[in-house]
PDB file of N, CA and C in Angstrom:
ATOM      1  N   UNK A   1       8.895  16.069  -8.099  1.00  0.00           N
ATOM      2  CA  UNK A   1       9.945  15.759  -7.201  1.00  0.00           C
ATOM      3  C   UNK A   1      10.126  14.286  -7.423  1.00  0.00           C
ATOM      4  N   UNK A   2      11.203  13.692  -7.708  1.00  0.00           N
ATOM      5  CA  UNK A   2      11.576  12.246  -7.932  1.00  0.00           C
ATOM      6  C   UNK A   2      12.152  11.803  -6.552  1.00  0.00           C
ATOM      7  N   UNK A   3      11.567  10.668  -5.908  1.00  0.00           N
ATOM      8  CA  UNK A   3      12.247  10.274  -4.780  1.00  0.00           C
ATOM      9  C   UNK A   3      13.096   8.968  -4.873  1.00  0.00           C
ATOM     10  N   UNK A   4      14.190   9.005  -4.658  1.00  0.00           N
ATOM     11  CA  UNK A   4      14.943   7.666  -4.679  1.00  0.00           C
ATOM     12  C   UNK A   4      14.926   6.917  -3.463  1.00  0.00           C
ATOM     13  N   UNK A   5      14.533   5.600  -3.772  1.00  0.00           N
ATOM     14  CA  UNK A   5      14.283   4.684  -2.669  1.00  0.00           C
ATOM     15  C   UNK A   5      15.512   3.867  -2.481  1.00  0.00           C
ATOM     16  N   UNK A   6      16.215   3.889  -1.290  1.00  0.00           N
ATOM     17  CA  UNK A   6      17.358   3.059  -1.062  1.00  0.00           C
ATOM     18  C   UNK A   6      17.172   1.613  -1.234  1.00  0.00           C
ATOM     19  N   UNK A   7      18.247   0.923  -1.533  1.00  0.00           N
ATOM     20  CA  UNK A   7      18.392  -0.360  -1.867  1.00  0.00           C
ATOM     21  C   UNK A   7      17.725  -1.138  -0.697  1.00  0.00           C
ATOM     22  N   UNK A   8      18.020  -0.716   0.348  1.00  0.00           N
ATOM     23  CA  UNK A   8      17.644  -1.522   1.635  1.00  0.00           C
ATOM     24  C   UNK A   8      15.939  -1.708   1.752  1.00  0.00           C
ATOM     25  N   UNK A   9      15.463  -0.506   1.262  1.00  0.00           N
ATOM     26  CA  UNK A   9      14.008  -0.595   1.280  1.00  0.00           C
ATOM     27  C   UNK A   9      13.469  -1.273  -0.086  1.00  0.00           C
ATOM     28  N   UNK A  10      14.037  -1.032  -1.190  1.00  0.00           N
ATOM     29  CA  UNK A  10      13.537  -1.718  -2.274  1.00  0.00           C
ATOM     30  C   UNK A  10      13.619  -3.120  -2.402  1.00  0.00           C
ATOM     31  N   UNK A  11      14.373  -3.829  -1.503  1.00  0.00           N
ATOM     32  CA  UNK A  11      14.695  -5.340  -1.428  1.00  0.00           C
ATOM     33  C   UNK A  11      13.908  -5.806  -0.234  1.00  0.00           C
ATOM     34  N   UNK A  12      13.244  -4.961   0.585  1.00  0.00           N
ATOM     35  CA  UNK A  12      12.682  -5.517   1.633  1.00  0.00           C
ATOM     36  C   UNK A  12      11.402  -6.134   1.317  1.00  0.00           C
ATOM     37  N   UNK A  13      11.058  -7.383   1.996  1.00  0.00           N
ATOM     38  CA  UNK A  13       9.930  -8.232   1.595  1.00  0.00           C
ATOM     39  C   UNK A  13       8.507  -7.255   1.693  1.00  0.00           C
ATOM     40  N   UNK A  14       8.575  -6.598   2.860  1.00  0.00           N
ATOM     41  CA  UNK A  14       7.327  -5.785   3.131  1.00  0.00           C
ATOM     42  C   UNK A  14       7.158  -4.829   2.026  1.00  0.00           C
ATOM     43  N   UNK A  15       8.194  -4.037   1.630  1.00  0.00           N
ATOM     44  CA  UNK A  15       8.005  -3.066   0.458  1.00  0.00           C
ATOM     45  C   UNK A  15       7.625  -3.859  -0.786  1.00  0.00           C
ATOM     46  N   UNK A  16       8.365  -4.841  -1.103  1.00  0.00           N
ATOM     47  CA  UNK A  16       8.010  -5.635  -2.466  1.00  0.00           C
ATOM     48  C   UNK A  16       6.601  -6.207  -2.404  1.00  0.00           C
ATOM     49  N   UNK A  17       6.149  -6.600  -1.291  1.00  0.00           N
ATOM     50  CA  UNK A  17       4.710  -7.059  -1.171  1.00  0.00           C
ATOM     51  C   UNK A  17       3.735  -5.846  -1.256  1.00  0.00           C
ATOM     52  N   UNK A  18       4.033  -4.779  -0.603  1.00  0.00           N
ATOM     53  CA  UNK A  18       3.239  -3.670  -0.987  1.00  0.00           C
ATOM     54  C   UNK A  18       3.159  -3.128  -2.337  1.00  0.00           C
ATOM     55  N   UNK A  19       4.200  -3.105  -2.839  1.00  0.00           N
ATOM     56  CA  UNK A  19       4.399  -2.651  -4.174  1.00  0.00           C
ATOM     57  C   UNK A  19       3.519  -3.488  -5.242  1.00  0.00           C
ATOM     58  N   UNK A  20       3.539  -4.982  -4.953  1.00  0.00           N
ATOM     59  CA  UNK A  20       2.686  -5.756  -5.682  1.00  0.00           C
ATOM     60  C   UNK A  20       1.141  -5.487  -5.502  1.00  0.00           C
ATOM     61  N   UNK A  21       1.007  -5.220  -4.246  1.00  0.00           N
ATOM     62  CA  UNK A  21      -0.498  -4.784  -4.132  1.00  0.00           C
ATOM     63  C   UNK A  21      -0.835  -3.493  -4.785  1.00  0.00           C
ATOM     64  N   UNK A  22      -0.035  -2.364  -4.831  1.00  0.00           N
ATOM     65  CA  UNK A  22      -0.142  -1.087  -5.449  1.00  0.00           C
ATOM     66  C   UNK A  22      -0.397  -1.417  -7.031  1.00  0.00           C
ATOM     67  N   UNK A  23       0.542  -2.331  -7.566  1.00  0.00           N
ATOM     68  CA  UNK A  23       0.445  -2.609  -8.983  1.00  0.00           C
ATOM     69  C   UNK A  23      -0.752  -3.140  -9.327  1.00  0.00           C
ATOM     70  N   UNK A  24      -1.267  -4.193  -8.470  1.00  0.00           N
ATOM     71  CA  UNK A  24      -2.478  -4.891  -8.815  1.00  0.00           C
ATOM     72  C   UNK A  24      -3.795  -4.085  -8.768  1.00  0.00           C
ATOM     73  N   UNK A  25      -3.741  -2.925  -7.810  1.00  0.00           N
ATOM     74  CA  UNK A  25      -4.713  -1.978  -7.750  1.00  0.00           C
ATOM     75  C   UNK A  25      -4.859  -1.147  -8.923  1.00  0.00           C
ATOM     76  N   UNK A  26      -3.507  -0.720  -9.247  1.00  0.00           N
ATOM     77  CA  UNK A  26      -3.496   0.201 -10.598  1.00  0.00           C
ATOM     78  C   UNK A  26      -3.881  -0.729 -11.795  1.00  0.00           C
ATOM     79  N   UNK A  27      -3.406  -1.927 -11.874  1.00  0.00           N
ATOM     80  CA  UNK A  27      -3.786  -2.869 -13.074  1.00  0.00           C
ATOM     81  C   UNK A  27      -5.366  -3.031 -13.157  1.00  0.00           C
ATOM     82  N   UNK A  28      -6.024  -2.894 -11.996  1.00  0.00           N
ATOM     83  CA  UNK A  28      -7.563  -3.026 -11.921  1.00  0.00           C
ATOM     84  C   UNK A  28      -8.183  -1.682 -12.396  1.00  0.00           C
ATOM     85  N   UNK A  29      -7.413  -0.649 -12.676  1.00  0.00           N
ATOM     86  CA  UNK A  29      -7.844   0.507 -13.106  1.00  0.00           C
ATOM     87  C   UNK A  29      -8.020   1.688 -12.086  1.00  0.00           C
ATOM     88  N   UNK A  30      -7.501   1.461 -10.909  1.00  0.00           N
ATOM     89  CA  UNK A  30      -7.626   2.391  -9.814  1.00  0.00           C
ATOM     90  C   UNK A  30      -6.244   3.140  -9.481  1.00  0.00           C
ATOM     91  N   UNK A  31      -6.300   4.228  -8.615  1.00  0.00           N
ATOM     92  CA  UNK A  31      -5.129   5.013  -8.280  1.00  0.00           C
ATOM     93  C   UNK A  31      -4.488   4.343  -6.989  1.00  0.00           C
ATOM     94  N   UNK A  32      -3.331   4.244  -6.892  1.00  0.00           N
ATOM     95  CA  UNK A  32      -2.742   3.686  -5.627  1.00  0.00           C
ATOM     96  C   UNK A  32      -1.478   4.471  -5.425  1.00  0.00           C
ATOM     97  N   UNK A  33      -1.398   5.065  -4.146  1.00  0.00           N
ATOM     98  CA  UNK A  33      -0.302   5.756  -3.638  1.00  0.00           C
ATOM     99  C   UNK A  33       0.234   5.415  -2.190  1.00  0.00           C
ATOM    100  N   UNK A  34       1.303   5.217  -2.104  1.00  0.00           N
ATOM    101  CA  UNK A  34       2.020   4.918  -0.644  1.00  0.00           C
ATOM    102  C   UNK A  34       1.555   6.171   0.267  1.00  0.00           C
ATOM    103  N   UNK A  35       1.261   5.911   1.447  1.00  0.00           N
ATOM    104  CA  UNK A  35       0.618   7.050   2.303  1.00  0.00           C
ATOM    105  C   UNK A  35       1.100   6.724   3.703  1.00  0.00           C
ATOM    106  N   UNK A  36       0.703   7.982   4.450  1.00  0.00           N
ATOM    107  CA  UNK A  36       0.792   7.668   5.919  1.00  0.00           C
ATOM    108  C   UNK A  36       2.221   7.553   6.450  1.00  0.00           C
ATOM    109  N   UNK A  37       2.186   6.919   7.652  1.00  0.00           N
ATOM    110  CA  UNK A  37       3.515   6.616   8.300  1.00  0.00           C
ATOM    111  C   UNK A  37       4.801   6.189   7.500  1.00  0.00           C
ATOM    112  N   UNK A  38       4.399   5.234   6.670  1.00  0.00           N
ATOM    113  CA  UNK A  38       5.489   4.819   5.851  1.00  0.00           C
ATOM    114  C   UNK A  38       6.142   5.858   4.997  1.00  0.00           C
ATOM    115  N   UNK A  39       5.464   6.675   4.328  1.00  0.00           N
ATOM    116  CA  UNK A  39       6.091   8.043   3.670  1.00  0.00           C
ATOM    117  C   UNK A  39       6.746   8.636   4.646  1.00  0.00           C
ATOM    118  N   UNK A  40       6.386   9.018   5.813  1.00  0.00           N
ATOM    119  CA  UNK A  40       7.087   9.837   6.730  1.00  0.00           C
ATOM    120  C   UNK A  40       8.365   9.193   7.065  1.00  0.00           C
ATOM    121  N   UNK A  41       8.201   7.995   7.558  1.00  0.00           N
ATOM    122  CA  UNK A  41       9.532   6.983   7.986  1.00  0.00           C
ATOM    123  C   UNK A  41      10.523   6.964   6.943  1.00  0.00           C
ATOM    124  N   UNK A  42      10.094   6.898   5.610  1.00  0.00           N
ATOM    125  CA  UNK A  42      11.021   6.839   4.447  1.00  0.00           C
ATOM    126  C   UNK A  42      11.747   8.019   4.265  1.00  0.00           C
ATOM    127  N   UNK A  43      11.003   9.149   4.437  1.00  0.00           N
ATOM    128  CA  UNK A  43      11.640  10.468   4.364  1.00  0.00           C
ATOM    129  C   UNK A  43      12.574  10.833   5.362  1.00  0.00           C
ATOM    130  N   UNK A  44      12.230  10.282   6.587  1.00  0.00           N
ATOM    131  CA  UNK A  44      13.133  10.452   7.807  1.00  0.00           C
ATOM    132  C   UNK A  44      14.301   9.229   7.903  1.00  0.00           C
ATOM    133  N   UNK A  45      14.156   8.356   6.944  1.00  0.00           N
ATOM    134  CA  UNK A  45      15.324   7.270   7.010  1.00  0.00           C
ATOM    135  C   UNK A  45      15.069   6.212   8.119  1.00  0.00           C
ATOM    136  N   UNK A  46      13.741   6.193   8.667  1.00  0.00           N
ATOM    137  CA  UNK A  46      13.355   5.213   9.531  1.00  0.00           C
ATOM    138  C   UNK A  46      12.642   4.073   9.072  1.00  0.00           C
ATOM    139  N   UNK A  47      12.713   2.821   9.791  1.00  0.00           N
ATOM    140  CA  UNK A  47      12.076   1.683   9.406  1.00  0.00           C
ATOM    141  C   UNK A  47      10.524   1.769   9.705  1.00  0.00           C
ATOM    142  N   UNK A  48       9.655   1.253   8.862  1.00  0.00           N
ATOM    143  CA  UNK A  48       8.076   1.426   9.158  1.00  0.00           C
ATOM    144  C   UNK A  48       7.573   0.014   9.500  1.00  0.00           C
ATOM    145  N   UNK A  49       6.647  -0.192  10.280  1.00  0.00           N
ATOM    146  CA  UNK A  49       6.009  -1.418  10.697  1.00  0.00           C
ATOM    147  C   UNK A  49       5.157  -1.799   9.665  1.00  0.00           C
ATOM    148  N   UNK A  50       4.266  -0.971   8.965  1.00  0.00           N
ATOM    149  CA  UNK A  50       3.491  -1.377   7.842  1.00  0.00           C
ATOM    150  C   UNK A  50       3.398  -0.394   6.756  1.00  0.00           C
ATOM    151  N   UNK A  51       2.745  -0.509   5.782  1.00  0.00           N
ATOM    152  CA  UNK A  51       2.847   0.426   4.557  1.00  0.00           C
ATOM    153  C   UNK A  51       1.283   0.568   4.240  1.00  0.00           C
ATOM    154  N   UNK A  52       0.897   1.726   4.217  1.00  0.00           N
ATOM    155  CA  UNK A  52      -0.612   2.188   3.985  1.00  0.00           C
ATOM    156  C   UNK A  52      -0.450   2.508   2.295  1.00  0.00           C
ATOM    157  N   UNK A  53      -1.521   2.102   1.726  1.00  0.00           N
ATOM    158  CA  UNK A  53      -1.813   2.516   0.188  1.00  0.00           C
ATOM    159  C   UNK A  53      -3.128   3.147   0.288  1.00  0.00           C
ATOM    160  N   UNK A  54      -3.106   4.451  -0.205  1.00  0.00           N
ATOM    161  CA  UNK A  54      -4.445   5.247  -0.563  1.00  0.00           C
ATOM    162  C   UNK A  54      -4.751   4.974  -1.848  1.00  0.00           C
ATOM    163  N   UNK A  55      -6.099   4.615  -2.083  1.00  0.00           N
ATOM    164  CA  UNK A  55      -6.637   4.401  -3.404  1.00  0.00           C
ATOM    165  C   UNK A  55      -8.095   5.093  -3.522  1.00  0.00           C
ATOM    166  N   UNK A  56      -8.405   5.157  -4.840  1.00  0.00           N
ATOM    167  CA  UNK A  56      -9.937   5.505  -5.144  1.00  0.00           C
ATOM    168  C   UNK A  56     -10.833   4.275  -5.342  1.00  0.00           C
ATOM    169  N   UNK A  57     -10.216   3.146  -5.120  1.00  0.00           N
ATOM    170  CA  UNK A  57     -11.081   1.933  -5.139  1.00  0.00           C
ATOM    171  C   UNK A  57     -11.880   1.735  -3.915  1.00  0.00           C
ATOM    172  N   UNK A  58     -13.168   1.558  -4.001  1.00  0.00           N
ATOM    173  CA  UNK A  58     -14.007   1.067  -2.850  1.00  0.00           C
ATOM    174  C   UNK A  58     -13.480  -0.111  -2.148  1.00  0.00           C
ATOM    175  N   UNK A  59     -13.826  -0.210  -0.978  1.00  0.00           N
ATOM    176  CA  UNK A  59     -13.405  -1.394  -0.123  1.00  0.00           C
ATOM    177  C   UNK A  59     -14.152  -2.721  -0.890  1.00  0.00           C
ATOM    178  N   UNK A  60     -15.189  -2.736  -1.575  1.00  0.00           N
ATOM    179  CA  UNK A  60     -15.757  -3.696  -1.971  1.00  0.00           C
ATOM    180  C   UNK A  60     -14.899  -4.124  -3.333  1.00  0.00           C
ATOM    181  N   UNK A  61     -14.448  -3.147  -3.961  1.00  0.00           N
ATOM    182  CA  UNK A  61     -13.642  -3.345  -5.168  1.00  0.00           C
ATOM    183  C   UNK A  61     -12.259  -3.954  -4.678  1.00  0.00           C
ATOM    184  N   UNK A  62     -11.639  -3.642  -3.515  1.00  0.00           N
ATOM    185  CA  UNK A  62     -10.608  -4.229  -3.168  1.00  0.00           C
ATOM    186  C   UNK A  62     -10.742  -5.585  -2.680  1.00  0.00           C
ATOM    187  N   UNK A  63     -11.766  -5.953  -2.190  1.00  0.00           N
ATOM    188  CA  UNK A  63     -12.254  -7.325  -1.808  1.00  0.00           C
ATOM    189  C   UNK A  63     -12.374  -8.163  -3.124  1.00  0.00           C
ATOM    190  N   UNK A  64     -12.727  -7.649  -4.048  1.00  0.00           N
ATOM    191  CA  UNK A  64     -13.062  -8.397  -5.261  1.00  0.00           C
ATOM    192  C   UNK A  64     -11.655  -8.633  -6.116  1.00  0.00           C
ATOM    193  N   UNK A  65     -10.763  -7.640  -5.774  1.00  0.00           N
ATOM    194  CA  UNK A  65      -9.477  -7.662  -6.557  1.00  0.00           C
ATOM    195  C   UNK A  65      -8.452  -8.525  -5.788  1.00  0.00           C
ATOM    196  N   UNK A  66      -8.702  -8.792  -4.495  1.00  0.00           N
ATOM    197  CA  UNK A  66      -7.613  -9.689  -3.863  1.00  0.00           C
ATOM    198  C   UNK A  66      -8.337 -10.813  -3.278  1.00  0.00           C
ATOM    199  N   UNK A  67      -7.663 -11.981  -3.142  1.00  0.00           N
ATOM    200  CA  UNK A  67      -8.306 -13.157  -2.568  1.00  0.00           C
ATOM    201  C   UNK A  67      -8.562 -12.931  -0.898  1.00  0.00           C
ATOM    202  N   UNK A  68      -7.583 -12.469  -0.309  1.00  0.00           N
ATOM    203  CA  UNK A  68      -7.491 -12.531   1.115  1.00  0.00           C
ATOM    204  C   UNK A  68      -7.335 -10.888   1.576  1.00  0.00           C
ATOM    205  N   UNK A  69      -8.620 -10.482   2.148  1.00  0.00           N
ATOM    206  CA  UNK A  69      -8.691  -9.028   2.665  1.00  0.00           C
ATOM    207  C   UNK A  69      -9.573  -9.183   4.054  1.00  0.00           C
ATOM    208  N   UNK A  70      -9.218  -8.152   4.923  1.00  0.00           N
ATOM    209  CA  UNK A  70      -9.947  -8.022   6.160  1.00  0.00           C
ATOM    210  C   UNK A  70     -10.529  -6.701   6.285  1.00  0.00           C
ATOM    211  N   UNK A  71     -11.703  -6.525   6.309  1.00  0.00           N
ATOM    212  CA  UNK A  71     -12.232  -5.091   6.456  1.00  0.00           C
ATOM    213  C   UNK A  71     -12.244  -4.639   8.096  1.00  0.00           C
ATOM    214  N   UNK A  72     -11.133  -3.829   8.207  1.00  0.00           N
ATOM    215  CA  UNK A  72     -10.790  -3.401   9.548  1.00  0.00           C
ATOM    216  C   UNK A  72     -11.795  -2.372   9.764  1.00  0.00           C
ATOM    217  N   UNK A  73     -11.871  -1.347   9.015  1.00  0.00           N
ATOM    218  CA  UNK A  73     -12.835  -0.221   9.115  1.00  0.00           C
ATOM    219  C   UNK A  73     -13.521   0.180   7.939  1.00  0.00           C
ATOM    220  N   UNK A  74     -14.082  -0.821   7.447  1.00  0.00           N
ATOM    221  CA  UNK A  74     -14.633  -0.683   5.882  1.00  0.00           C
ATOM    222  C   UNK A  74     -15.549   0.638   5.774  1.00  0.00           C
ATOM    223  N   UNK A  75     -16.296   0.921   6.685  1.00  0.00           N
ATOM    224  CA  UNK A  75     -17.089   2.137   6.617  1.00  0.00           C
ATOM    225  C   UNK A  75     -16.191   3.399   6.525  1.00  0.00           C
ATOM    226  N   UNK A  76     -14.953   3.276   6.829  1.00  0.00           N
ATOM    227  CA  UNK A  76     -13.918   4.289   6.747  1.00  0.00           C
ATOM    228  C   UNK A  76     -13.100   4.136   5.439  1.00  0.00           C
ATOM    229  N   UNK A  77     -13.261   3.025   4.717  1.00  0.00           N
ATOM    230  CA  UNK A  77     -12.667   2.753   3.755  1.00  0.00           C
ATOM    231  C   UNK A  77     -11.292   2.029   4.036  1.00  0.00           C
ATOM    232  N   UNK A  78     -11.200   1.276   5.144  1.00  0.00           N
ATOM    233  CA  UNK A  78      -9.964   0.843   5.483  1.00  0.00           C
ATOM    234  C   UNK A  78     -10.016  -0.824   5.399  1.00  0.00           C
ATOM    235  N   UNK A  79      -9.140  -1.460   4.535  1.00  0.00           N
ATOM    236  CA  UNK A  79      -8.984  -2.785   4.092  1.00  0.00           C
ATOM    237  C   UNK A  79      -7.622  -3.151   4.403  1.00  0.00           C
ATOM    238  N   UNK A  80      -7.424  -4.462   5.071  1.00  0.00           N
ATOM    239  CA  UNK A  80      -6.030  -4.995   5.087  1.00  0.00           C
ATOM    240  C   UNK A  80      -6.141  -6.104   4.020  1.00  0.00           C
ATOM    241  N   UNK A  81      -4.981  -5.867   2.974  1.00  0.00           N
ATOM    242  CA  UNK A  81      -4.777  -7.024   2.223  1.00  0.00           C
ATOM    243  C   UNK A  81      -3.598  -8.001   2.705  1.00  0.00           C
ATOM    244  N   UNK A  82      -4.121  -9.358   2.574  1.00  0.00           N
ATOM    245  CA  UNK A  82      -3.152 -10.218   3.361  1.00  0.00           C
ATOM    246  C   UNK A  82      -2.410 -10.916   2.025  1.00  0.00           C
TER     247      UNK A  82
END
Protein backbone atom coordinates (compact mmCIF):
# COMPACT_ATOMS: atom_id res chain seq x y z
CA UNK A 1 0.00 0.00 0.00
CA UNK A 2 1.36 3.40 -0.96
CA UNK A 3 0.28 6.31 1.20
CA UNK A 4 0.12 9.75 -0.38
CA UNK A 5 0.98 12.48 2.11
CA UNK A 6 -0.83 15.77 1.60
CA UNK A 7 1.11 18.90 0.68
CA UNK A 8 0.28 20.53 4.01
CA UNK A 9 2.04 17.73 5.88
CA UNK A 10 4.94 17.41 3.41
CA UNK A 11 5.82 21.09 3.84
CA UNK A 12 5.43 21.34 7.62
CA UNK A 13 8.64 22.07 9.50
CA UNK A 14 8.01 19.26 11.95
CA UNK A 15 7.57 16.69 9.17
CA UNK A 16 10.64 17.90 7.26
CA UNK A 17 12.74 17.74 10.45
CA UNK A 18 11.49 14.22 11.23
CA UNK A 19 12.15 13.15 7.66
CA UNK A 20 15.74 14.44 7.94
CA UNK A 21 16.17 12.44 11.18
CA UNK A 22 14.79 9.28 9.54
CA UNK A 23 17.04 9.76 6.51
CA UNK A 24 20.13 10.22 8.72
CA UNK A 25 19.27 7.06 10.68
CA UNK A 26 18.86 5.20 7.39
CA UNK A 27 22.14 6.60 6.04
CA UNK A 28 23.87 5.28 9.17
CA UNK A 29 22.74 1.78 8.17
CA UNK A 30 19.65 1.37 10.34
CA UNK A 31 15.94 1.06 9.60
CA UNK A 32 13.68 4.00 10.37
CA UNK A 33 9.88 4.11 10.26
CA UNK A 34 7.34 6.74 11.27
CA UNK A 35 5.28 5.22 14.07
CA UNK A 36 2.74 5.85 16.79
CA UNK A 37 0.31 8.71 17.04
CA UNK A 38 1.69 10.54 14.02
CA UNK A 39 0.74 7.67 11.72
CA UNK A 40 -2.70 7.37 13.34
CA UNK A 41 -3.29 11.11 13.05
CA UNK A 42 -2.06 11.14 9.45
CA UNK A 43 -4.52 8.39 8.51
CA UNK A 44 -7.36 10.20 10.30
CA UNK A 45 -6.46 13.56 8.75
CA UNK A 46 -5.60 15.12 12.12
CA UNK A 47 -2.58 17.16 13.13
CA UNK A 48 -0.01 15.63 15.45
CA UNK A 49 2.08 17.17 18.21
CA UNK A 50 5.15 15.05 17.60
CA UNK A 51 6.52 12.37 15.30
CA UNK A 52 7.83 9.06 16.61
CA UNK A 53 10.42 7.13 14.62
CA UNK A 54 10.91 3.43 15.27
CA UNK A 55 14.39 2.11 14.50
CA UNK A 56 16.59 -0.90 15.04
CA UNK A 57 19.43 1.40 16.19
CA UNK A 58 20.39 1.14 19.86
CA UNK A 59 20.01 4.39 21.87
CA UNK A 60 23.81 4.66 22.08
CA UNK A 61 23.98 4.51 18.28
CA UNK A 62 21.38 7.29 18.02
CA UNK A 63 23.45 9.39 20.44
CA UNK A 64 26.53 8.86 18.25
CA UNK A 65 24.61 9.69 15.06
CA UNK A 66 23.14 12.99 16.29
CA UNK A 67 24.78 15.90 18.06
CA UNK A 68 21.88 16.73 20.37
CA UNK A 69 19.89 13.93 21.98
CA UNK A 70 18.02 13.47 25.25
CA UNK A 71 17.73 9.98 26.77
CA UNK A 72 14.11 10.09 27.93
CA UNK A 73 13.69 6.40 28.58
CA UNK A 74 16.95 4.99 27.34
CA UNK A 75 16.39 1.63 29.04
CA UNK A 76 13.18 1.38 26.97
CA UNK A 77 15.01 2.61 23.87
CA UNK A 78 13.45 6.10 23.86
CA UNK A 79 15.62 9.01 22.73
CA UNK A 80 14.65 12.52 21.69
CA UNK A 81 16.64 13.96 18.81
CA UNK A 82 16.78 17.76 18.94
